[in-house]
Amino acid sequence: MKPVSSPTRFRTTLLACIAAGLAACAGPGAPPHGDLPQTYALAPNAAAERPPSWDALFADPHLRALITSALAHNRDLRVAVARVAEARAAYDIQEAAGRPAVELGASGTRSSTPADLSVTGRDKVGGNYRTGANLVTYEIDFWGRVKSLNEAALNQFLATDEARQAFELGLVAQLANAYLLARELDERIVLAQKALATREESFRIMRRRAEVGSSSDLELRQVESLLLNTRGELAALERLRAQNDALLAQLSGHAPAPAGQPAPLAEQGLEAPLPAGLPAELLTRRPDLRAAEKRLAASQASVRAARAAFLPNITLTGFGGASSAELDGLFRGGASTWSFTPALRLPLFDGGRNRANLSLAEARRLVAVADYEASIQAAFREVADALAARHWLAAQVREQQALVATESDRARLANLRFERGVSSYLDVLDAQRALFNAEQALVQLRRAHMASTINLYKALGGGAPR
């Protein structure tokens, strides 16, 4: 059999590498969406309607002013915005690397050649001066490697911008929830102060009755115990309000407090249902899901770039200008010169670096796929949790309102029975304690029901652009 010549073997190897590279360049398909549910459980409707913007969702002008301050002054949001600018600059750098670059340059060399090395047998001093424009090494993107790198950088930039939007949405939700908690604590503190005033008066009366012998020391100690317990409850509420005020100041960037008085919980306007829409809409609504999808696209582009590194690399370099042995000769006629140097490089052995880079890119793509799928599952769970919270908290609020009315009537009857001598003051104390706890729980449930609206708003990806 006739042996295969070296040029033939080289062409065969080159064609095999090219064919394998082209077959491998087919990137992964569309992002995996998984099995999306058709509707949400407990959703009021499935209309394709987007929730309102945040300034339409919140009725309290004081809250809207706080959110505006937070979006303008929050330090963490500034970091997120700066990261977007950083990602954009990185994309611009990568995109510029794919375009030809031309630079002007000048160089000069003077050298001395000894007689025994000179062809003339004499000492020789010579020079080489050169000036002109250089075409910096430019890669012809025949296999799409540079394009894939550009695509990866672009998707990283877009993912960073989506992450900034997700952070902004989370900031709005966190500040609104902290604001509702502040209004809840205000109302609970008012209730505690009223209860404290009533119990201080009761303790004064019972102490006088114990002094004249019409009440026992046991009853006095029970009234005093309830009084001290109320004082401790009030102190705890004041502590929580101070801590929550510090959180609000941090979230708003320590901007000056808005003018005007905050509206109470009853005037926040967060009881109306939000349109949940269809589950598939979450993929385009939620910025965190869009960010995960962009990161997945970037990882897929990186895989394609790593595969293209196995293929031949074609580069161009060039020069055009003037060259002369003397400096003043650069500007005389006949000194023009040029060069054009295309080059073809095929990696044969690199110690496994390209293979390792491809393995790394594929591993990162698998991570991005898992992250995208996990983000989708978490998004649906958050929507389901918020819908369930709205539904059942509304039922709890109705039942708690009935309980407060019942406990209020019970406290009135217990006080009448004590005044008529039918029952002891222990029944009055027990009824007052139960009424206080029921009123506190009602305020907490109302705030939690409104917070579920905010959480649903966030889980749905926010509202329409302002």
Protein backbone atom coordinates (compact mmCIF):
# COMPACT_ATOMS: atom_id res chain seq x y z
CA MET A 1 0.00 0.00 0.00
CA LYS A 2 1.26 3.43 -0.93
CA PRO A 3 2.20 5.46 2.16
CA VAL A 4 0.28 8.67 2.80
CA SER A 5 2.41 11.76 2.28
CA SER A 6 2.88 14.34 5.03
CA PRO A 7 0.89 17.12 3.24
CA THR A 8 -1.97 14.69 2.63
CA ARG A 9 -1.93 13.57 6.29
CA PHE A 10 -1.95 17.22 7.43
CA ARG A 11 -4.92 18.07 5.20
CA THR A 12 -6.80 15.02 6.44
CA THR A 13 -6.17 15.93 10.06
CA LEU A 14 -7.17 19.54 9.43
CA LEU A 15 -10.44 18.57 7.71
CA ALA A 16 -11.27 16.13 10.50
CA CYS A 17 -10.71 18.83 13.12
CA ILE A 18 -12.86 21.29 11.18
CA ALA A 19 -15.68 18.77 10.75
CA ALA A 20 -15.61 17.85 14.42
CA GLY A 21 -15.59 21.52 15.40
CA LEU A 22 -18.54 22.37 13.16
CA ALA A 23 -20.51 19.47 14.59
CA ALA A 24 -19.74 20.63 18.10
CA CYS A 25 -20.60 24.26 17.45
CA ALA A 26 -24.33 23.60 17.63
CA GLY A 27 -25.05 25.15 21.02
CA PRO A 28 -27.66 23.96 23.48
CA GLY A 29 -31.26 24.70 22.67
CA ALA A 30 -33.69 27.06 24.33
CA PRO A 31 -33.65 27.43 28.10
CA PRO A 32 -35.44 24.58 29.88
CA HIS A 33 -38.72 25.80 31.28
CA GLY A 34 -39.79 22.55 32.91
CA ASP A 35 -43.42 21.60 33.42
CA LEU A 36 -45.16 24.89 34.13
CA PRO A 37 -48.55 24.73 35.86
CA GLN A 38 -51.50 26.03 33.88
CA THR A 39 -53.04 28.09 36.69
CA TYR A 40 -52.32 29.15 40.26
CA ALA A 41 -54.17 27.60 43.14
CA LEU A 42 -56.34 30.18 44.98
CA ALA A 43 -55.77 32.75 42.20
CA PRO A 44 -58.76 35.09 41.85
CA ASN A 45 -58.49 34.95 38.04
CA ALA A 46 -56.13 34.01 35.24
CA ALA A 47 -56.45 37.18 33.18
CA ALA A 48 -53.35 38.30 31.35
CA GLU A 49 -53.29 41.58 33.26
CA ARG A 50 -50.18 42.98 34.86
CA PRO A 51 -50.23 44.39 38.41
CA PRO A 52 -50.08 48.19 38.68
CA SER A 53 -46.86 50.11 39.16
CA TRP A 54 -45.73 50.62 42.74
CA ASP A 55 -46.81 54.25 42.89
CA ALA A 56 -50.32 53.17 41.86
CA LEU A 57 -50.34 50.21 44.25
CA PHE A 58 -49.56 52.24 47.37
CA ALA A 59 -52.18 54.82 48.35
CA ASP A 60 -50.23 56.45 51.18
CA PRO A 61 -48.29 59.52 49.90
CA HIS A 62 -45.89 59.19 52.83
CA LEU A 63 -44.95 55.65 51.74
CA ARG A 64 -44.56 56.70 48.10
CA ALA A 65 -42.22 59.50 49.15
CA LEU A 66 -40.15 57.05 51.21
CA ILE A 67 -39.84 54.68 48.25
CA THR A 68 -38.77 57.54 45.99
CA SER A 69 -36.07 58.48 48.51
CA ALA A 70 -34.90 54.88 48.75
CA LEU A 71 -34.59 54.52 44.97
CA ALA A 72 -32.53 57.72 44.90
CA HIS A 73 -30.36 57.30 47.99
CA ASN A 74 -30.12 53.63 48.97
CA ARG A 75 -26.44 52.67 49.05
CA ASP A 76 -26.94 49.01 48.14
CA LEU A 77 -28.94 50.05 45.09
CA ARG A 78 -26.06 52.32 44.08
CA VAL A 79 -23.76 49.30 44.23
CA ALA A 80 -26.15 47.38 41.96
CA VAL A 81 -26.23 50.28 39.48
CA ALA A 82 -22.43 50.49 39.52
CA ARG A 83 -22.19 46.76 38.79
CA VAL A 84 -24.37 47.30 35.72
CA ALA A 85 -21.96 49.98 34.53
CA GLU A 86 -19.06 47.61 35.22
CA ALA A 87 -20.69 44.82 33.19
CA ARG A 88 -21.42 47.23 30.35
CA ALA A 89 -17.78 48.33 30.26
CA ALA A 90 -16.64 44.69 30.21
CA TYR A 91 -18.96 44.04 27.26
CA ASP A 92 -17.63 47.08 25.40
CA ILE A 93 -14.06 45.86 25.95
CA GLN A 94 -14.89 42.41 24.61
CA GLU A 95 -16.79 43.83 21.63
CA ALA A 96 -13.89 46.15 20.78
CA ALA A 97 -11.55 43.15 20.75
CA GLY A 98 -13.42 41.79 17.74
CA ARG A 99 -12.79 44.87 15.59
CA PRO A 100 -9.55 45.73 13.76
CA ALA A 101 -7.25 48.09 15.65
CA VAL A 102 -4.84 50.49 13.94
CA GLU A 103 -2.12 52.40 15.76
CA LEU A 104 0.56 54.86 14.77
CA GLY A 105 4.12 54.13 15.77
CA ALA A 106 7.71 55.12 15.23
CA SER A 107 10.94 53.31 16.11
CA GLY A 108 14.63 53.79 15.57
CA THR A 109 17.72 51.61 16.01
CA ARG A 110 21.43 52.46 15.83
CA SER A 111 23.92 49.59 15.94
CA SER A 112 27.65 48.99 15.50
CA THR A 113 29.07 45.94 13.71
CA PRO A 114 32.75 45.01 14.35
CA ALA A 115 35.09 44.45 11.40
CA ASP A 116 35.37 40.68 11.84
CA LEU A 117 31.55 40.36 11.50
CA SER A 118 31.13 42.85 8.68
CA VAL A 119 31.03 41.64 5.08
CA THR A 120 33.24 44.58 4.10
CA GLY A 121 35.86 43.79 6.73
CA ARG A 122 35.47 47.24 8.29
CA ASP A 123 33.70 48.55 11.34
CA LYS A 124 30.21 49.61 10.41
CA VAL A 125 27.66 51.82 12.17
CA GLY A 126 24.16 51.63 10.79
CA GLY A 127 20.62 52.58 11.63
CA ASN A 128 17.06 51.56 10.93
CA TYR A 129 14.28 54.07 11.34
CA ARG A 130 10.64 53.29 10.80
CA THR A 131 7.32 55.11 11.15
CA GLY A 132 3.79 54.42 10.00
CA ALA A 133 0.50 52.73 10.85
CA ASN A 134 0.30 49.22 12.27
CA LEU A 135 -2.63 46.85 11.91
CA VAL A 136 -2.65 45.15 15.29
CA THR A 137 -3.20 41.42 15.17
CA TYR A 138 -6.79 40.92 14.00
CA GLU A 139 -8.55 37.57 14.19
CA ILE A 140 -10.87 36.60 11.34
CA ASP A 141 -13.82 35.11 13.20
CA PHE A 142 -14.34 32.24 10.79
CA TRP A 143 -15.62 29.81 13.44
CA GLY A 144 -17.58 32.29 15.58
CA ARG A 145 -15.26 32.24 18.60
CA VAL A 146 -15.12 36.02 18.96
CA LYS A 147 -18.84 36.32 18.27
CA SER A 148 -19.55 33.79 21.02
CA LEU A 149 -17.34 35.70 23.45
CA ASN A 150 -19.22 38.90 22.56
CA GLU A 151 -22.54 37.15 23.08
CA ALA A 152 -21.41 35.84 26.47
CA ALA A 153 -20.31 39.31 27.57
CA LEU A 154 -23.55 40.88 26.32
CA ASN A 155 -25.70 38.38 28.20
CA GLN A 156 -23.64 38.90 31.35
CA PHE A 157 -24.30 42.62 31.04
CA LEU A 158 -28.03 42.06 30.49
CA ALA A 159 -28.15 39.63 33.43
CA THR A 160 -26.52 42.24 35.67
CA ASP A 161 -29.08 44.84 34.62
CA GLU A 162 -31.92 42.40 35.31
CA ALA A 163 -30.38 41.68 38.71
CA ARG A 164 -30.41 45.43 39.38
CA GLN A 165 -34.12 45.55 38.54
CA ALA A 166 -34.75 42.56 40.81
CA PHE A 167 -32.90 44.30 43.64
CA GLU A 168 -34.92 47.47 43.08
CA LEU A 169 -38.18 45.48 43.25
CA GLY A 170 -37.00 43.75 46.43
CA LEU A 171 -36.06 47.12 47.93
CA VAL A 172 -39.55 48.50 47.26
CA ALA A 173 -41.16 45.43 48.84
CA GLN A 174 -38.85 45.44 51.86
CA LEU A 175 -39.39 49.13 52.54
CA ALA A 176 -43.18 48.82 52.13
CA ASN A 177 -43.28 45.89 54.56
CA ALA A 178 -41.17 47.82 57.08
CA TYR A 179 -43.51 50.79 56.68
CA LEU A 180 -46.57 48.62 57.35
CA LEU A 181 -44.85 47.19 60.40
CA ALA A 182 -44.26 50.74 61.64
CA ARG A 183 -47.98 51.51 61.27
CA GLU A 184 -48.86 48.25 63.05
CA LEU A 185 -46.55 49.09 65.95
CA ASP A 186 -48.01 52.59 66.18
CA GLU A 187 -51.52 51.18 66.58
CA ARG A 188 -50.43 48.48 69.01
CA ILE A 189 -48.61 51.05 71.12
CA VAL A 190 -51.77 53.18 71.26
CA LEU A 191 -53.77 50.14 72.40
CA ALA A 192 -51.13 49.31 75.00
CA GLN A 193 -51.10 52.87 76.29
CA LYS A 194 -54.89 52.86 76.68
CA ALA A 195 -54.75 49.51 78.44
CA LEU A 196 -51.96 50.77 80.69
CA ALA A 197 -53.98 53.84 81.70
CA THR A 198 -56.98 51.64 82.51
CA ARG A 199 -54.91 49.21 84.57
CA GLU A 200 -53.15 51.95 86.47
CA GLU A 201 -56.54 53.31 87.47
CA SER A 202 -57.70 49.79 88.39
CA PHE A 203 -54.59 49.29 90.54
CA ARG A 204 -55.19 52.60 92.29
CA ILE A 205 -58.77 51.63 93.09
CA MET A 206 -57.90 48.09 94.20
CA ARG A 207 -55.08 49.35 96.40
CA ARG A 208 -57.53 51.72 98.10
CA ARG A 209 -60.05 48.89 98.51
CA ALA A 210 -57.36 46.65 100.00
CA GLU A 211 -56.43 49.38 102.47
CA VAL A 212 -60.01 49.60 103.76
CA GLY A 213 -60.41 45.83 103.75
CA SER A 214 -62.99 45.49 100.96
CA SER A 215 -60.55 43.59 98.70
CA SER A 216 -57.97 40.94 99.40
CA ASP A 217 -54.23 41.22 98.88
CA LEU A 218 -54.52 38.43 96.29
CA GLU A 219 -56.78 40.56 94.10
CA LEU A 220 -54.42 43.51 94.51
CA ARG A 221 -51.43 41.43 93.44
CA GLN A 222 -53.34 40.11 90.42
CA VAL A 223 -54.18 43.64 89.30
CA GLU A 224 -50.56 44.68 89.88
CA SER A 225 -49.34 41.68 87.87
CA LEU A 226 -51.52 42.66 84.94
CA LEU A 227 -50.28 46.26 85.22
CA LEU A 228 -46.62 45.23 85.18
CA ASN A 229 -47.22 42.87 82.28
CA THR A 230 -48.77 45.71 80.26
CA ARG A 231 -45.82 47.98 81.01
CA GLY A 232 -43.44 45.27 79.80
CA GLU A 233 -45.51 44.78 76.64
CA LEU A 234 -45.44 48.52 75.96
CA ALA A 235 -41.66 48.65 76.44
CA ALA A 236 -41.20 45.75 74.01
CA LEU A 237 -43.37 47.50 71.41
CA GLU A 238 -41.39 50.73 71.79
CA ARG A 239 -38.17 48.77 71.28
CA LEU A 240 -39.49 47.15 68.11
CA ARG A 241 -40.63 50.52 66.76
CA ALA A 242 -37.21 52.08 67.36
CA GLN A 243 -35.48 49.18 65.59
CA ASN A 244 -37.91 49.33 62.69
CA ASP A 245 -37.42 53.10 62.36
CA ALA A 246 -33.68 52.48 62.07
CA LEU A 247 -34.33 49.96 59.29
CA LEU A 248 -36.54 52.43 57.43
CA ALA A 249 -33.82 55.08 57.69
CA GLN A 250 -31.22 52.67 56.29
CA LEU A 251 -33.44 51.53 53.41
CA SER A 252 -34.25 55.12 52.44
CA GLY A 253 -30.57 56.06 52.49
CA HIS A 254 -31.00 58.28 55.57
CA ALA A 255 -32.76 60.84 53.40
CA PRO A 256 -34.83 63.52 55.19
CA ALA A 257 -38.20 62.19 56.36
CA PRO A 258 -41.12 63.09 54.06
CA ALA A 259 -43.48 65.81 55.22
CA GLY A 260 -46.93 64.94 56.51
CA GLN A 261 -48.36 62.26 58.76
CA PRO A 262 -48.40 58.58 57.75
CA ALA A 263 -51.81 57.09 57.03
CA PRO A 264 -53.07 54.37 59.41
CA LEU A 265 -53.35 50.74 58.34
CA ALA A 266 -57.02 51.11 57.43
CA GLU A 267 -56.13 53.74 54.77
CA GLN A 268 -53.25 51.92 53.07
CA GLY A 269 -55.52 50.55 50.34
CA LEU A 270 -53.83 47.15 50.08
CA GLU A 271 -56.88 44.91 50.54
CA ALA A 272 -57.85 44.81 46.84
CA PRO A 273 -56.83 41.63 44.95
CA LEU A 274 -53.96 41.66 42.46
CA PRO A 275 -54.25 39.99 39.03
CA ALA A 276 -52.02 36.93 39.19
CA GLY A 277 -52.15 36.26 35.46
CA LEU A 278 -50.87 33.03 33.93
CA PRO A 279 -47.92 31.08 35.36
CA ALA A 280 -45.97 31.24 32.09
CA GLU A 281 -45.96 35.05 32.31
CA LEU A 282 -43.59 34.86 35.26
CA LEU A 283 -40.74 34.03 32.86
CA THR A 284 -40.99 37.51 31.32
CA ARG A 285 -42.32 39.42 34.34
CA ARG A 286 -39.78 38.58 37.01
CA PRO A 287 -36.39 40.25 36.53
CA ASP A 288 -34.60 37.56 38.57
CA LEU A 289 -35.84 34.87 36.15
CA ARG A 290 -34.79 36.99 33.19
CA ALA A 291 -31.37 37.41 34.82
CA ALA A 292 -31.04 33.64 35.30
CA GLU A 293 -31.99 33.11 31.64
CA LYS A 294 -29.35 35.62 30.50
CA ARG A 295 -26.72 33.91 32.63
CA LEU A 296 -27.69 30.61 31.01
CA ALA A 297 -27.37 32.15 27.54
CA ALA A 298 -23.95 33.53 28.49
CA SER A 299 -22.79 30.09 29.65
CA GLN A 300 -23.98 28.54 26.38
CA ALA A 301 -22.04 31.13 24.39
CA SER A 302 -18.95 30.42 26.49
CA VAL A 303 -19.25 26.73 25.61
CA ARG A 304 -19.36 27.58 21.91
CA ALA A 305 -16.30 29.81 22.27
CA ALA A 306 -14.42 27.05 24.11
CA ARG A 307 -15.26 24.56 21.34
CA ALA A 308 -14.11 27.00 18.65
CA ALA A 309 -10.71 27.20 20.34
CA PHE A 310 -9.98 23.69 18.97
CA LEU A 311 -10.29 24.99 15.38
CA PRO A 312 -7.72 26.83 13.22
CA ASN A 313 -7.11 30.45 14.10
CA ILE A 314 -6.62 32.95 11.27
CA THR A 315 -5.03 36.31 12.11
CA LEU A 316 -3.92 39.32 10.11
CA THR A 317 -1.18 41.84 10.85
CA GLY A 318 0.14 44.63 8.66
CA PHE A 319 2.24 47.78 8.42
CA GLY A 320 2.32 50.77 6.13
CA GLY A 321 4.66 53.73 6.38
CA ALA A 322 8.25 54.76 5.74
CA SER A 323 11.59 53.10 6.52
CA SER A 324 15.15 54.37 6.14
CA ALA A 325 18.68 53.80 7.39
CA GLU A 326 18.88 57.47 8.35
CA LEU A 327 16.40 59.50 10.35
CA ASP A 328 16.13 62.28 7.76
CA GLY A 329 15.56 59.68 5.07
CA LEU A 330 12.10 58.88 6.40
CA PHE A 331 10.71 61.96 4.74
CA ARG A 332 12.40 61.60 1.36
CA GLY A 333 10.89 60.03 -1.70
CA GLY A 334 11.20 56.28 -2.11
CA ALA A 335 11.15 55.50 1.64
CA SER A 336 7.64 54.09 1.68
CA THR A 337 7.23 50.51 2.78
CA TRP A 338 4.46 48.11 3.69
CA SER A 339 3.90 44.57 4.89
CA PHE A 340 0.89 42.26 5.18
CA THR A 341 1.11 39.05 7.21
CA PRO A 342 -1.81 36.58 7.38
CA ALA A 343 -1.22 33.62 9.69
CA LEU A 344 -2.98 30.31 10.23
CA ARG A 345 -2.53 28.48 13.53
CA LEU A 346 -3.94 25.07 14.41
CA PRO A 347 -3.53 23.88 18.02
CA LEU A 348 -1.94 20.45 18.11
CA PHE A 349 -0.72 20.11 21.68
CA ASP A 350 -1.40 22.55 24.51
CA GLY A 351 -1.08 20.30 27.54
CA GLY A 352 -4.88 19.86 27.75
CA ARG A 353 -5.63 23.56 28.31
CA ASN A 354 -8.33 23.82 25.63
CA ARG A 355 -9.95 20.61 26.85
CA ALA A 356 -9.95 21.91 30.42
CA ASN A 357 -11.44 25.22 29.30
CA LEU A 358 -14.21 23.37 27.49
CA SER A 359 -14.89 21.20 30.54
CA LEU A 360 -15.04 24.31 32.72
CA ALA A 361 -17.47 26.03 30.33
CA GLU A 362 -19.71 22.97 30.16
CA ALA A 363 -19.72 22.64 33.96
CA ARG A 364 -20.71 26.30 34.29
CA ARG A 365 -23.49 25.76 31.77
CA LEU A 366 -24.85 22.89 33.86
CA VAL A 367 -24.74 25.15 36.92
CA ALA A 368 -26.62 27.85 34.99
CA VAL A 369 -29.27 25.34 33.86
CA ALA A 370 -29.80 24.12 37.42
CA ASP A 371 -29.89 27.72 38.70
CA TYR A 372 -32.48 28.69 36.07
CA GLU A 373 -34.72 25.72 36.84
CA ALA A 374 -34.40 26.29 40.60
CA SER A 375 -35.25 29.98 40.14
CA ILE A 376 -38.41 29.07 38.24
CA GLN A 377 -39.51 26.60 40.91
CA ALA A 378 -38.83 29.12 43.67
CA ALA A 379 -40.80 31.79 41.78
CA PHE A 380 -43.89 29.60 41.50
CA ARG A 381 -43.65 28.66 45.17
CA GLU A 382 -43.44 32.34 46.17
CA VAL A 383 -46.55 33.16 44.14
CA ALA A 384 -48.43 30.19 45.60
CA ASP A 385 -47.37 31.15 49.14
CA ALA A 386 -48.46 34.76 48.67
CA LEU A 387 -51.82 33.75 47.19
CA ALA A 388 -52.45 31.32 50.03
CA ALA A 389 -51.44 33.95 52.59
CA ARG A 390 -53.85 36.52 51.11
CA HIS A 391 -56.73 34.04 51.04
CA TRP A 392 -56.38 32.63 54.52
CA LEU A 393 -55.26 35.82 56.24
CA ALA A 394 -58.42 37.50 54.99
CA ALA A 395 -60.41 34.71 56.64
CA GLN A 396 -58.39 35.10 59.85
CA VAL A 397 -59.03 38.85 59.91
CA ARG A 398 -62.79 38.28 59.69
CA GLU A 399 -62.72 35.73 62.50
CA GLN A 400 -60.48 37.92 64.64
CA GLN A 401 -62.83 40.88 64.22
CA ALA A 402 -65.67 38.72 65.51
CA LEU A 403 -63.47 37.59 68.41
CA VAL A 404 -62.64 41.20 69.37
CA ALA A 405 -66.34 42.07 69.40
CA THR A 406 -67.06 39.04 71.58
CA GLU A 407 -64.22 39.77 73.99
CA SER A 408 -65.26 43.41 74.25
CA ASP A 409 -68.80 42.39 75.23
CA ARG A 410 -67.41 39.82 77.65
CA ALA A 411 -65.26 42.49 79.36
CA ARG A 412 -68.30 44.77 79.67
CA LEU A 413 -70.42 42.00 81.21
CA ALA A 414 -67.64 40.91 83.57
CA ASN A 415 -67.27 44.47 84.84
CA LEU A 416 -71.06 44.73 85.41
CA ARG A 417 -71.13 41.44 87.29
CA PHE A 418 -68.24 42.60 89.51
CA GLU A 419 -69.93 45.93 90.25
CA ARG A 420 -73.09 44.07 91.28
CA GLY A 421 -71.12 41.68 93.44
CA VAL A 422 -72.00 38.60 91.38
CA SER A 423 -68.44 37.66 90.44
CA SER A 424 -64.89 38.41 91.59
CA TYR A 425 -62.48 40.81 90.02
CA LEU A 426 -60.57 37.85 88.63
CA ASP A 427 -63.21 37.52 85.92
CA VAL A 428 -62.71 41.20 85.02
CA LEU A 429 -58.94 40.78 84.83
CA ASP A 430 -59.23 37.68 82.66
CA ALA A 431 -61.67 39.41 80.29
CA GLN A 432 -59.44 42.50 80.02
CA ARG A 433 -56.39 40.38 79.31
CA ALA A 434 -58.23 38.41 76.62
CA LEU A 435 -59.58 41.60 75.02
CA PHE A 436 -56.12 43.21 74.93
CA ASN A 437 -54.58 40.14 73.32
CA ALA A 438 -57.39 39.91 70.77
CA GLU A 439 -57.03 43.58 69.78
CA GLN A 440 -53.27 43.22 69.42
CA ALA A 441 -53.68 40.09 67.28
CA LEU A 442 -56.23 41.83 65.04
CA VAL A 443 -53.80 44.65 64.24
CA GLN A 444 -51.07 42.09 63.50
CA LEU A 445 -53.34 40.10 61.18
CA ARG A 446 -54.42 43.21 59.29
CA ARG A 447 -50.80 44.14 58.71
CA ALA A 448 -49.92 40.57 57.67
CA HIS A 449 -52.82 40.56 55.18
CA MET A 450 -51.56 43.79 53.61
CA ALA A 451 -47.99 42.47 53.62
CA SER A 452 -49.20 39.42 51.66
CA THR A 453 -50.34 41.83 48.93
CA ILE A 454 -46.85 43.34 48.80
CA ASN A 455 -45.25 39.88 48.77
CA LEU A 456 -47.55 38.81 45.94
CA TYR A 457 -46.68 41.99 44.05
CA LYS A 458 -42.99 41.14 44.38
CA ALA A 459 -43.50 37.46 43.51
CA LEU A 460 -45.35 38.43 40.33
CA GLY A 461 -42.39 40.54 39.22
CA GLY A 462 -43.76 43.98 40.01
CA GLY A 463 -46.13 46.08 38.01
CA ALA A 464 -46.23 47.88 34.72
CA PRO A 465 -43.53 50.47 34.05
CA ARG A 466 -44.31 53.91 35.41
